[in-house]
Amino acid sequence: MIDWFHENGLLLGLALLDGLAYAALVFMVAVGLNLVFGVLRILNVAHGSFYAIGAYAAASLSAFIAAQGLPPWATLPALLVAAALVGALLGPPIEALLLRRIYSGEPVIQLLVTFALFMILEDAQKLIWGVQPVSNDGAMRLLGTVDVPFAGDVIPFTAYQLFLLPAVALATLAGLAWFLRRTLTGRVIVAVTTDREAATAMGIDAKRVFLLTFTAGAMLAALGGALASPTTALVPGIGAQTIVLSFAVIATAGLGRIEGAALTALLIGLGRSVAVYFAPELEVVMPYIIMVAVLLVRPQGLFGAAEARRI
């Protein structure tokens, strides 16, 4: 075991660092999906499209900043601005004009409608940004690399992935926890989540809560895409990959569990990253192996609780 550690120490260090950065991005998307499901009780298949559009919008805004000769550091706040714009422009009309009509429908109808929306948004991406890869590595080059000590050696790693991504994910988790537990609006959202009928009877405007929650979820997904844009080439289909992985995260954590989604994203991110370096043939399936293993033991998820069904 000691010999193996000495021989593969650097690879293990890279796997841990990559897994941490990847988990931060997965969490940003999964927590938005979890929040929307917790309040609206809809598994939004189109959530992955918000991720992809956020990534493309961030790349376009960063390219515009570079073309205008603005300072390179402006590409960092541009990631947040792009995510906020995508969520604000897409979230409210989709919730008000489309989803609001199917809240009381059968789950299969909800899935079909959101899948149709996903296909429409996928084609819209191709019309706007084309099908060629789009890159946006300005933020990565701006922050450079750092040497991380590990196993008696050092690992060069990008500062953007090492510091910024985990910091934003932790800030998002802490901010959501504070908002839901310490603010009046957050407590209203929790009340609607716990018992929609009782909350409505007490005078809470459920429609307003739904609109706010869906818009926040869309912004979180777009933020995940914007933050991911400097780390990878953007190509058609990235939204589909992300939404499937997000479903695996929230199913493993337990539907509606925000804090659990963070720990599960870390578990799945590290598992996938270790597979990339030590068992590449399992890279694609590793998140789902983890999910199946958990659900066989705890069908309600790691942090979920069995609930009585209302008949």
C-alpha atoms as a PDB file:
ATOM      1  CA  MET A   1       0.000   0.000   0.000  1.00  0.00           C
ATOM      2  CA  ILE A   2       2.848   2.381   0.879  1.00  0.00           C
ATOM      3  CA  ASP A   3       4.669   1.509  -2.344  1.00  0.00           C
ATOM      4  CA  TRP A   4       1.485   2.118  -4.331  1.00  0.00           C
ATOM      5  CA  PHE A   5       1.050   5.517  -2.673  1.00  0.00           C
ATOM      6  CA  HIS A   6       4.629   6.519  -3.523  1.00  0.00           C
ATOM      7  CA  GLU A   7       4.234   5.408  -7.123  1.00  0.00           C
ATOM      8  CA  ASN A   8       0.837   7.016  -7.681  1.00  0.00           C
ATOM      9  CA  GLY A   9       0.955   9.898  -5.214  1.00  0.00           C
ATOM     10  CA  LEU A  10       0.963  12.658  -7.813  1.00  0.00           C
ATOM     11  CA  LEU A  11      -1.865  11.043  -9.758  1.00  0.00           C
ATOM     12  CA  LEU A  12      -3.894  10.736  -6.579  1.00  0.00           C
ATOM     13  CA  GLY A  13      -3.231  14.392  -5.766  1.00  0.00           C
ATOM     14  CA  LEU A  14      -4.354  15.459  -9.240  1.00  0.00           C
ATOM     15  CA  ALA A  15      -7.458  13.290  -8.895  1.00  0.00           C
ATOM     16  CA  LEU A  16      -8.363  14.937  -5.577  1.00  0.00           C
ATOM     17  CA  LEU A  17      -7.841  18.465  -6.915  1.00  0.00           C
ATOM     18  CA  ASP A  18      -9.741  17.774 -10.133  1.00  0.00           C
ATOM     19  CA  GLY A  19     -12.516  16.091  -8.175  1.00  0.00           C
ATOM     20  CA  LEU A  20     -12.898  19.088  -5.880  1.00  0.00           C
ATOM     21  CA  ALA A  21     -13.176  21.517  -8.799  1.00  0.00           C
ATOM     22  CA  TYR A  22     -15.563  19.244 -10.703  1.00  0.00           C
ATOM     23  CA  ALA A  23     -17.736  18.721  -7.626  1.00  0.00           C
ATOM     24  CA  ALA A  24     -18.076  22.495  -7.197  1.00  0.00           C
ATOM     25  CA  LEU A  25     -19.466  22.866 -10.729  1.00  0.00           C
ATOM     26  CA  VAL A  26     -21.803  19.886 -10.395  1.00  0.00           C
ATOM     27  CA  PHE A  27     -23.110  21.235  -7.100  1.00  0.00           C
ATOM     28  CA  MET A  28     -23.982  24.625  -8.629  1.00  0.00           C
ATOM     29  CA  VAL A  29     -26.300  22.950 -11.126  1.00  0.00           C
ATOM     30  CA  ALA A  30     -27.651  20.226  -8.834  1.00  0.00           C
ATOM     31  CA  VAL A  31     -28.545  22.623  -6.012  1.00  0.00           C
ATOM     32  CA  GLY A  32     -30.648  24.734  -8.385  1.00  0.00           C
ATOM     33  CA  LEU A  33     -32.426  21.634  -9.658  1.00  0.00           C
ATOM     34  CA  ASN A  34     -32.970  20.460  -6.082  1.00  0.00           C
ATOM     35  CA  LEU A  35     -34.337  23.841  -5.020  1.00  0.00           C
ATOM     36  CA  VAL A  36     -36.815  23.924  -7.902  1.00  0.00           C
ATOM     37  CA  PHE A  37     -37.988  20.401  -7.211  1.00  0.00           C
ATOM     38  CA  GLY A  38     -38.337  21.063  -3.490  1.00  0.00           C
ATOM     39  CA  VAL A  39     -40.736  23.960  -4.079  1.00  0.00           C
ATOM     40  CA  LEU A  40     -42.375  23.350  -7.458  1.00  0.00           C
ATOM     41  CA  ARG A  41     -42.286  19.514  -7.306  1.00  0.00           C
ATOM     42  CA  ILE A  42     -41.166  19.408 -10.930  1.00  0.00           C
ATOM     43  CA  LEU A  43     -38.046  17.655 -12.186  1.00  0.00           C
ATOM     44  CA  ASN A  44     -37.048  20.202 -14.804  1.00  0.00           C
ATOM     45  CA  VAL A  45     -35.245  18.435 -17.653  1.00  0.00           C
ATOM     46  CA  ALA A  46     -34.550  21.822 -19.270  1.00  0.00           C
ATOM     47  CA  HIS A  47     -32.388  22.799 -16.287  1.00  0.00           C
ATOM     48  CA  GLY A  48     -29.312  21.609 -18.182  1.00  0.00           C
ATOM     49  CA  SER A  49     -30.066  24.106 -20.947  1.00  0.00           C
ATOM     50  CA  PHE A  50     -29.735  26.975 -18.481  1.00  0.00           C
ATOM     51  CA  TYR A  51     -26.271  25.626 -17.660  1.00  0.00           C
ATOM     52  CA  ALA A  52     -25.272  25.524 -21.333  1.00  0.00           C
ATOM     53  CA  ILE A  53     -26.715  28.943 -22.173  1.00  0.00           C
ATOM     54  CA  GLY A  54     -25.007  30.434 -19.119  1.00  0.00           C
ATOM     55  CA  ALA A  55     -21.690  29.022 -20.348  1.00  0.00           C
ATOM     56  CA  TYR A  56     -22.144  30.372 -23.880  1.00  0.00           C
ATOM     57  CA  ALA A  57     -23.339  33.755 -22.611  1.00  0.00           C
ATOM     58  CA  ALA A  58     -20.277  34.037 -20.340  1.00  0.00           C
ATOM     59  CA  ALA A  59     -17.995  33.202 -23.265  1.00  0.00           C
ATOM     60  CA  SER A  60     -19.680  35.807 -25.466  1.00  0.00           C
ATOM     61  CA  LEU A  61     -19.514  38.492 -22.782  1.00  0.00           C
ATOM     62  CA  SER A  62     -15.851  37.717 -22.093  1.00  0.00           C
ATOM     63  CA  ALA A  63     -15.079  37.941 -25.823  1.00  0.00           C
ATOM     64  CA  PHE A  64     -16.861  41.299 -25.961  1.00  0.00           C
ATOM     65  CA  ILE A  65     -14.793  42.572 -23.012  1.00  0.00           C
ATOM     66  CA  ALA A  66     -11.573  41.493 -24.732  1.00  0.00           C
ATOM     67  CA  ALA A  67     -12.642  43.085 -28.030  1.00  0.00           C
ATOM     68  CA  GLN A  68     -13.350  46.403 -26.293  1.00  0.00           C
ATOM     69  CA  GLY A  69      -9.891  46.447 -24.745  1.00  0.00           C
ATOM     70  CA  LEU A  70     -11.223  46.405 -21.190  1.00  0.00           C
ATOM     71  CA  PRO A  71      -9.014  45.165 -18.308  1.00  0.00           C
ATOM     72  CA  PRO A  72      -8.636  41.362 -18.229  1.00  0.00           C
ATOM     73  CA  TRP A  73      -9.933  41.197 -14.636  1.00  0.00           C
ATOM     74  CA  ALA A  74     -13.335  42.292 -15.949  1.00  0.00           C
ATOM     75  CA  THR A  75     -13.852  38.757 -17.264  1.00  0.00           C
ATOM     76  CA  LEU A  76     -14.344  37.528 -13.674  1.00  0.00           C
ATOM     77  CA  PRO A  77     -17.423  39.646 -12.792  1.00  0.00           C
ATOM     78  CA  ALA A  78     -18.617  38.994 -16.348  1.00  0.00           C
ATOM     79  CA  LEU A  79     -19.216  35.366 -15.348  1.00  0.00           C
ATOM     80  CA  LEU A  80     -21.646  36.475 -12.632  1.00  0.00           C
ATOM     81  CA  VAL A  81     -23.302  39.057 -14.867  1.00  0.00           C
ATOM     82  CA  ALA A  82     -23.874  36.509 -17.639  1.00  0.00           C
ATOM     83  CA  ALA A  83     -25.477  34.044 -15.215  1.00  0.00           C
ATOM     84  CA  ALA A  84     -27.749  36.705 -13.725  1.00  0.00           C
ATOM     85  CA  LEU A  85     -28.877  37.848 -17.176  1.00  0.00           C
ATOM     86  CA  VAL A  86     -29.640  34.314 -18.368  1.00  0.00           C
ATOM     87  CA  GLY A  87     -31.651  33.514 -15.241  1.00  0.00           C
ATOM     88  CA  ALA A  88     -33.533  36.804 -15.280  1.00  0.00           C
ATOM     89  CA  LEU A  89     -34.360  36.636 -18.995  1.00  0.00           C
ATOM     90  CA  LEU A  90     -35.343  32.964 -19.219  1.00  0.00           C
ATOM     91  CA  GLY A  91     -36.618  32.049 -15.753  1.00  0.00           C
ATOM     92  CA  PRO A  92     -39.694  34.289 -15.295  1.00  0.00           C
ATOM     93  CA  PRO A  93     -41.281  33.825 -18.758  1.00  0.00           C
ATOM     94  CA  ILE A  94     -40.754  30.051 -18.723  1.00  0.00           C
ATOM     95  CA  GLU A  95     -42.285  29.694 -15.266  1.00  0.00           C
ATOM     96  CA  ALA A  96     -45.188  32.076 -15.868  1.00  0.00           C
ATOM     97  CA  LEU A  97     -46.099  31.057 -19.406  1.00  0.00           C
ATOM     98  CA  LEU A  98     -45.299  27.347 -19.453  1.00  0.00           C
ATOM     99  CA  LEU A  99     -44.678  25.610 -16.127  1.00  0.00           C
ATOM    100  CA  ARG A 100     -47.517  27.315 -14.294  1.00  0.00           C
ATOM    101  CA  ARG A 101     -49.936  25.493 -16.591  1.00  0.00           C
ATOM    102  CA  ILE A 102     -48.701  22.008 -15.672  1.00  0.00           C
ATOM    103  CA  TYR A 103     -48.174  22.142 -11.883  1.00  0.00           C
ATOM    104  CA  SER A 104     -51.281  20.065 -11.299  1.00  0.00           C
ATOM    105  CA  GLY A 105     -50.609  17.730 -14.226  1.00  0.00           C
ATOM    106  CA  GLU A 106     -49.312  14.197 -14.168  1.00  0.00           C
ATOM    107  CA  PRO A 107     -45.553  13.808 -13.614  1.00  0.00           C
ATOM    108  CA  VAL A 108     -45.148  12.260 -17.061  1.00  0.00           C
ATOM    109  CA  ILE A 109     -46.706  15.367 -18.643  1.00  0.00           C
ATOM    110  CA  GLN A 110     -44.322  17.588 -16.687  1.00  0.00           C
ATOM    111  CA  LEU A 111     -41.346  15.550 -17.862  1.00  0.00           C
ATOM    112  CA  LEU A 112     -42.505  15.645 -21.500  1.00  0.00           C
ATOM    113  CA  VAL A 113     -43.097  19.402 -21.428  1.00  0.00           C
ATOM    114  CA  THR A 114     -39.730  20.198 -19.852  1.00  0.00           C
ATOM    115  CA  PHE A 115     -38.000  17.781 -22.237  1.00  0.00           C
ATOM    116  CA  ALA A 116     -39.630  19.568 -25.172  1.00  0.00           C
ATOM    117  CA  LEU A 117     -38.399  22.866 -23.730  1.00  0.00           C
ATOM    118  CA  PHE A 118     -34.917  21.357 -23.424  1.00  0.00           C
ATOM    119  CA  MET A 119     -34.943  20.408 -27.134  1.00  0.00           C
ATOM    120  CA  ILE A 120     -36.091  23.897 -28.131  1.00  0.00           C
ATOM    121  CA  LEU A 121     -33.369  25.567 -26.089  1.00  0.00           C
ATOM    122  CA  GLU A 122     -30.756  23.167 -27.499  1.00  0.00           C
ATOM    123  CA  ASP A 123     -31.676  24.209 -31.046  1.00  0.00           C
ATOM    124  CA  ALA A 124     -31.669  27.870 -29.993  1.00  0.00           C
ATOM    125  CA  GLN A 125     -28.081  27.463 -28.767  1.00  0.00           C
ATOM    126  CA  LYS A 126     -27.030  26.068 -32.143  1.00  0.00           C
ATOM    127  CA  LEU A 127     -28.742  28.911 -33.989  1.00  0.00           C
ATOM    128  CA  ILE A 128     -27.065  31.576 -31.867  1.00  0.00           C
ATOM    129  CA  TRP A 129     -23.585  30.144 -31.235  1.00  0.00           C
ATOM    130  CA  GLY A 130     -23.279  27.525 -33.977  1.00  0.00           C
ATOM    131  CA  VAL A 131     -21.904  24.013 -33.598  1.00  0.00           C
ATOM    132  CA  GLN A 132     -18.187  24.747 -33.511  1.00  0.00           C
ATOM    133  CA  PRO A 133     -16.373  24.635 -30.147  1.00  0.00           C
ATOM    134  CA  VAL A 134     -16.310  27.929 -28.252  1.00  0.00           C
ATOM    135  CA  SER A 135     -13.519  28.691 -25.781  1.00  0.00           C
ATOM    136  CA  ASN A 136     -13.352  31.156 -22.900  1.00  0.00           C
ATOM    137  CA  ASP A 137     -10.097  30.672 -21.007  1.00  0.00           C
ATOM    138  CA  GLY A 138      -9.461  34.303 -20.064  1.00  0.00           C
ATOM    139  CA  ALA A 139     -10.171  33.778 -16.367  1.00  0.00           C
ATOM    140  CA  MET A 140      -7.905  30.699 -16.223  1.00  0.00           C
ATOM    141  CA  ARG A 141      -4.996  32.573 -17.813  1.00  0.00           C
ATOM    142  CA  LEU A 142      -5.604  35.615 -15.631  1.00  0.00           C
ATOM    143  CA  LEU A 143      -5.268  33.732 -12.328  1.00  0.00           C
ATOM    144  CA  GLY A 144      -2.429  31.479 -13.494  1.00  0.00           C
ATOM    145  CA  THR A 145      -1.251  28.369 -11.654  1.00  0.00           C
ATOM    146  CA  VAL A 146      -0.068  27.538  -8.146  1.00  0.00           C
ATOM    147  CA  ASP A 147       2.139  24.747  -6.805  1.00  0.00           C
ATOM    148  CA  VAL A 148       0.253  22.486  -4.390  1.00  0.00           C
ATOM    149  CA  PRO A 149       2.440  20.407  -2.032  1.00  0.00           C
ATOM    150  CA  PHE A 150       1.403  16.749  -2.005  1.00  0.00           C
ATOM    151  CA  ALA A 151       3.162  13.482  -1.112  1.00  0.00           C
ATOM    152  CA  GLY A 152       6.563  15.153  -0.818  1.00  0.00           C
ATOM    153  CA  ASP A 153       6.246  16.805  -4.238  1.00  0.00           C
ATOM    154  CA  VAL A 154       4.364  19.708  -5.789  1.00  0.00           C
ATOM    155  CA  ILE A 155       1.470  19.645  -8.237  1.00  0.00           C
ATOM    156  CA  PRO A 156       1.012  22.616 -10.601  1.00  0.00           C
ATOM    157  CA  PHE A 157      -2.712  23.401 -10.664  1.00  0.00           C
ATOM    158  CA  THR A 158      -4.800  26.289 -11.957  1.00  0.00           C
ATOM    159  CA  ALA A 159      -5.675  28.833  -9.277  1.00  0.00           C
ATOM    160  CA  TYR A 160      -9.088  29.321 -10.875  1.00  0.00           C
ATOM    161  CA  GLN A 161     -10.103  25.706 -10.258  1.00  0.00           C
ATOM    162  CA  LEU A 162      -8.343  25.397  -6.921  1.00  0.00           C
ATOM    163  CA  PHE A 163      -9.643  28.541  -5.231  1.00  0.00           C
ATOM    164  CA  LEU A 164     -12.430  30.290  -7.143  1.00  0.00           C
ATOM    165  CA  LEU A 165     -14.708  27.356  -7.971  1.00  0.00           C
ATOM    166  CA  PRO A 166     -14.813  25.815  -4.452  1.00  0.00           C
ATOM    167  CA  ALA A 167     -15.120  29.303  -2.910  1.00  0.00           C
ATOM    168  CA  VAL A 168     -18.158  30.164  -5.040  1.00  0.00           C
ATOM    169  CA  ALA A 169     -19.765  26.777  -4.321  1.00  0.00           C
ATOM    170  CA  LEU A 170     -19.262  27.186  -0.556  1.00  0.00           C
ATOM    171  CA  ALA A 171     -20.557  30.748  -0.670  1.00  0.00           C
ATOM    172  CA  THR A 172     -23.628  29.566  -2.576  1.00  0.00           C
ATOM    173  CA  LEU A 173     -24.302  26.806  -0.051  1.00  0.00           C
ATOM    174  CA  ALA A 174     -23.868  29.143   2.927  1.00  0.00           C
ATOM    175  CA  GLY A 175     -25.915  31.881   1.273  1.00  0.00           C
ATOM    176  CA  LEU A 176     -28.804  29.539   0.465  1.00  0.00           C
ATOM    177  CA  ALA A 177     -28.797  28.085   3.982  1.00  0.00           C
ATOM    178  CA  TRP A 178     -28.828  31.576   5.513  1.00  0.00           C
ATOM    179  CA  PHE A 179     -31.503  32.831   3.113  1.00  0.00           C
ATOM    180  CA  LEU A 180     -33.873  29.909   3.688  1.00  0.00           C
ATOM    181  CA  ARG A 181     -33.498  29.888   7.473  1.00  0.00           C
ATOM    182  CA  ARG A 182     -32.916  33.523   8.442  1.00  0.00           C
ATOM    183  CA  THR A 183     -34.986  35.651   6.077  1.00  0.00           C
ATOM    184  CA  LEU A 184     -38.736  36.091   5.836  1.00  0.00           C
ATOM    185  CA  THR A 185     -38.798  35.246   2.128  1.00  0.00           C
ATOM    186  CA  GLY A 186     -36.748  32.120   2.767  1.00  0.00           C
ATOM    187  CA  ARG A 187     -39.094  30.965   5.505  1.00  0.00           C
ATOM    188  CA  VAL A 188     -42.026  31.538   3.180  1.00  0.00           C
ATOM    189  CA  ILE A 189     -40.347  29.309   0.609  1.00  0.00           C
ATOM    190  CA  VAL A 190     -39.769  26.632   3.248  1.00  0.00           C
ATOM    191  CA  ALA A 191     -43.436  26.891   4.291  1.00  0.00           C
ATOM    192  CA  VAL A 192     -44.601  26.348   0.710  1.00  0.00           C
ATOM    193  CA  THR A 193     -42.183  23.440   0.375  1.00  0.00           C
ATOM    194  CA  THR A 194     -43.435  21.787   3.572  1.00  0.00           C
ATOM    195  CA  ASP A 195     -47.175  22.178   2.967  1.00  0.00           C
ATOM    196  CA  ARG A 196     -48.323  24.123  -0.063  1.00  0.00           C
ATOM    197  CA  GLU A 197     -52.014  23.958   0.794  1.00  0.00           C
ATOM    198  CA  ALA A 198     -51.571  25.187   4.371  1.00  0.00           C
ATOM    199  CA  ALA A 199     -49.233  27.979   3.254  1.00  0.00           C
ATOM    200  CA  THR A 200     -51.741  29.152   0.650  1.00  0.00           C
ATOM    201  CA  ALA A 201     -54.548  29.063   3.213  1.00  0.00           C
ATOM    202  CA  MET A 202     -52.465  31.348   5.448  1.00  0.00           C
ATOM    203  CA  GLY A 203     -52.319  33.964   2.679  1.00  0.00           C
ATOM    204  CA  ILE A 204     -48.928  33.196   1.126  1.00  0.00           C
ATOM    205  CA  ASP A 205     -48.806  33.963  -2.587  1.00  0.00           C
ATOM    206  CA  ALA A 206     -47.615  30.597  -3.913  1.00  0.00           C
ATOM    207  CA  LYS A 207     -47.366  31.882  -7.490  1.00  0.00           C
ATOM    208  CA  ARG A 208     -44.872  34.540  -6.435  1.00  0.00           C
ATOM    209  CA  VAL A 209     -42.865  31.956  -4.507  1.00  0.00           C
ATOM    210  CA  PHE A 210     -42.803  29.644  -7.536  1.00  0.00           C
ATOM    211  CA  LEU A 211     -41.619  32.461  -9.816  1.00  0.00           C
ATOM    212  CA  LEU A 212     -38.869  33.524  -7.411  1.00  0.00           C
ATOM    213  CA  THR A 213     -37.685  29.961  -6.819  1.00  0.00           C
ATOM    214  CA  PHE A 214     -37.595  28.979 -10.474  1.00  0.00           C
ATOM    215  CA  THR A 215     -35.711  32.147 -11.404  1.00  0.00           C
ATOM    216  CA  ALA A 216     -33.172  31.504  -8.628  1.00  0.00           C
ATOM    217  CA  GLY A 217     -32.744  27.905  -9.816  1.00  0.00           C
ATOM    218  CA  ALA A 218     -32.200  29.077 -13.402  1.00  0.00           C
ATOM    219  CA  MET A 219     -29.576  31.587 -12.216  1.00  0.00           C
ATOM    220  CA  LEU A 220     -27.737  28.902 -10.248  1.00  0.00           C
ATOM    221  CA  ALA A 221     -27.647  26.595 -13.267  1.00  0.00           C
ATOM    222  CA  ALA A 222     -26.461  29.447 -15.493  1.00  0.00           C
ATOM    223  CA  LEU A 223     -23.820  30.348 -12.904  1.00  0.00           C
ATOM    224  CA  GLY A 224     -22.557  26.775 -12.967  1.00  0.00           C
ATOM    225  CA  GLY A 225     -22.231  26.990 -16.750  1.00  0.00           C
ATOM    226  CA  ALA A 226     -20.570  30.411 -16.611  1.00  0.00           C
ATOM    227  CA  LEU A 227     -18.026  29.165 -14.078  1.00  0.00           C
ATOM    228  CA  ALA A 228     -17.376  26.036 -16.161  1.00  0.00           C
ATOM    229  CA  SER A 229     -16.833  27.977 -19.401  1.00  0.00           C
ATOM    230  CA  PRO A 230     -13.140  28.819 -18.728  1.00  0.00           C
ATOM    231  CA  THR A 231     -12.332  25.170 -17.945  1.00  0.00           C
ATOM    232  CA  THR A 232     -13.563  23.415 -21.084  1.00  0.00           C
ATOM    233  CA  ALA A 233     -14.501  23.900 -24.719  1.00  0.00           C
ATOM    234  CA  LEU A 234     -18.209  24.568 -25.181  1.00  0.00           C
ATOM    235  CA  VAL A 235     -19.919  22.262 -27.651  1.00  0.00           C
ATOM    236  CA  PRO A 236     -23.538  21.251 -28.311  1.00  0.00           C
ATOM    237  CA  GLY A 237     -24.702  18.634 -25.833  1.00  0.00           C
ATOM    238  CA  ILE A 238     -23.025  19.919 -22.675  1.00  0.00           C
ATOM    239  CA  GLY A 239     -26.445  20.675 -21.196  1.00  0.00           C
ATOM    240  CA  ALA A 240     -27.604  17.076 -21.630  1.00  0.00           C
ATOM    241  CA  GLN A 241     -24.494  15.683 -19.939  1.00  0.00           C
ATOM    242  CA  THR A 242     -24.898  18.063 -17.032  1.00  0.00           C
ATOM    243  CA  ILE A 243     -28.592  17.451 -16.363  1.00  0.00           C
ATOM    244  CA  VAL A 244     -28.122  13.660 -16.311  1.00  0.00           C
ATOM    245  CA  LEU A 245     -25.268  14.023 -13.820  1.00  0.00           C
ATOM    246  CA  SER A 246     -27.329  16.460 -11.729  1.00  0.00           C
ATOM    247  CA  PHE A 247     -30.161  13.936 -11.545  1.00  0.00           C
ATOM    248  CA  ALA A 248     -27.642  11.388 -10.259  1.00  0.00           C
ATOM    249  CA  VAL A 249     -26.492  13.836  -7.565  1.00  0.00           C
ATOM    250  CA  ILE A 250     -29.946  14.724  -6.254  1.00  0.00           C
ATOM    251  CA  ALA A 251     -31.167  11.122  -6.416  1.00  0.00           C
ATOM    252  CA  THR A 252     -28.136  10.026  -4.398  1.00  0.00           C
ATOM    253  CA  ALA A 253     -28.537  12.866  -1.890  1.00  0.00           C
ATOM    254  CA  GLY A 254     -32.310  12.677  -1.593  1.00  0.00           C
ATOM    255  CA  LEU A 255     -34.752  14.907  -3.434  1.00  0.00           C
ATOM    256  CA  GLY A 256     -35.078  18.364  -1.927  1.00  0.00           C
ATOM    257  CA  ARG A 257     -31.924  18.091   0.249  1.00  0.00           C
ATOM    258  CA  ILE A 258     -29.699  21.107  -0.437  1.00  0.00           C
ATOM    259  CA  GLU A 259     -26.900  20.450   2.063  1.00  0.00           C
ATOM    260  CA  GLY A 260     -26.925  16.790   1.102  1.00  0.00           C
ATOM    261  CA  ALA A 261     -26.453  17.771  -2.536  1.00  0.00           C
ATOM    262  CA  ALA A 262     -23.150  19.453  -1.630  1.00  0.00           C
ATOM    263  CA  LEU A 263     -21.708  16.364   0.049  1.00  0.00           C
ATOM    264  CA  THR A 264     -23.037  14.069  -2.657  1.00  0.00           C
ATOM    265  CA  ALA A 265     -21.588  16.271  -5.410  1.00  0.00           C
ATOM    266  CA  LEU A 266     -18.230  16.009  -3.637  1.00  0.00           C
ATOM    267  CA  LEU A 267     -18.550  12.218  -3.392  1.00  0.00           C
ATOM    268  CA  ILE A 268     -19.488  11.828  -7.052  1.00  0.00           C
ATOM    269  CA  GLY A 269     -16.931  14.399  -8.224  1.00  0.00           C
ATOM    270  CA  LEU A 270     -14.095  12.648  -6.400  1.00  0.00           C
ATOM    271  CA  GLY A 271     -15.285   9.212  -7.541  1.00  0.00           C
ATOM    272  CA  ARG A 272     -15.375  10.292 -11.180  1.00  0.00           C
ATOM    273  CA  SER A 273     -11.994  12.017 -10.966  1.00  0.00           C
ATOM    274  CA  VAL A 274     -10.312   8.993  -9.369  1.00  0.00           C
ATOM    275  CA  ALA A 275     -11.763   6.850 -12.146  1.00  0.00           C
ATOM    276  CA  VAL A 276     -10.334   9.209 -14.784  1.00  0.00           C
ATOM    277  CA  TYR A 277      -6.790   8.673 -13.487  1.00  0.00           C
ATOM    278  CA  PHE A 278      -6.884   5.057 -12.321  1.00  0.00           C
ATOM    279  CA  ALA A 279      -9.702   3.368 -14.260  1.00  0.00           C
ATOM    280  CA  PRO A 280     -10.529   5.461 -17.361  1.00  0.00           C
ATOM    281  CA  GLU A 281     -12.949   2.859 -18.671  1.00  0.00           C
ATOM    282  CA  LEU A 282     -15.209   3.604 -15.656  1.00  0.00           C
ATOM    283  CA  GLU A 283     -15.147   7.406 -15.973  1.00  0.00           C
ATOM    284  CA  VAL A 284     -18.567   7.747 -17.575  1.00  0.00           C
ATOM    285  CA  VAL A 285     -20.368   5.234 -15.382  1.00  0.00           C
ATOM    286  CA  MET A 286     -18.715   5.922 -12.022  1.00  0.00           C
ATOM    287  CA  PRO A 287     -21.290   8.554 -10.870  1.00  0.00           C
ATOM    288  CA  TYR A 288     -24.097   6.136 -11.647  1.00  0.00           C
ATOM    289  CA  ILE A 289     -22.345   3.224  -9.954  1.00  0.00           C
ATOM    290  CA  ILE A 290     -22.206   5.365  -6.815  1.00  0.00           C
ATOM    291  CA  MET A 291     -25.863   6.317  -7.236  1.00  0.00           C
ATOM    292  CA  VAL A 292     -27.033   2.719  -7.685  1.00  0.00           C
ATOM    293  CA  ALA A 293     -24.937   1.525  -4.740  1.00  0.00           C
ATOM    294  CA  VAL A 294     -26.500   4.171  -2.476  1.00  0.00           C
ATOM    295  CA  LEU A 295     -30.071   3.646  -3.676  1.00  0.00           C
ATOM    296  CA  LEU A 296     -29.853  -0.116  -3.180  1.00  0.00           C
ATOM    297  CA  VAL A 297     -29.150   0.524   0.499  1.00  0.00           C
ATOM    298  CA  ARG A 298     -31.162   3.735   1.004  1.00  0.00           C
ATOM    299  CA  PRO A 299     -33.858   4.170  -1.668  1.00  0.00           C
ATOM    300  CA  GLN A 300     -34.669   7.650  -0.296  1.00  0.00           C
ATOM    301  CA  GLY A 301     -31.050   8.797  -0.779  1.00  0.00           C
ATOM    302  CA  LEU A 302     -28.216   9.395   1.649  1.00  0.00           C
ATOM    303  CA  PHE A 303     -29.866  12.368   3.334  1.00  0.00           C
ATOM    304  CA  GLY A 304     -33.481  11.771   2.385  1.00  0.00           C
ATOM    305  CA  ALA A 305     -36.196  10.639   4.744  1.00  0.00           C
ATOM    306  CA  ALA A 306     -39.124   8.363   4.041  1.00  0.00           C
ATOM    307  CA  GLU A 307     -42.309  10.415   3.845  1.00  0.00           C
ATOM    308  CA  ALA A 308     -45.931   9.400   4.110  1.00  0.00           C
ATOM    309  CA  ARG A 309     -47.779   9.803   0.831  1.00  0.00           C
ATOM    310  CA  ARG A 310     -50.940  11.892   0.824  1.00  0.00           C
ATOM    311  CA  ILE A 311     -53.839  10.032  -0.807  1.00  0.00           C
END
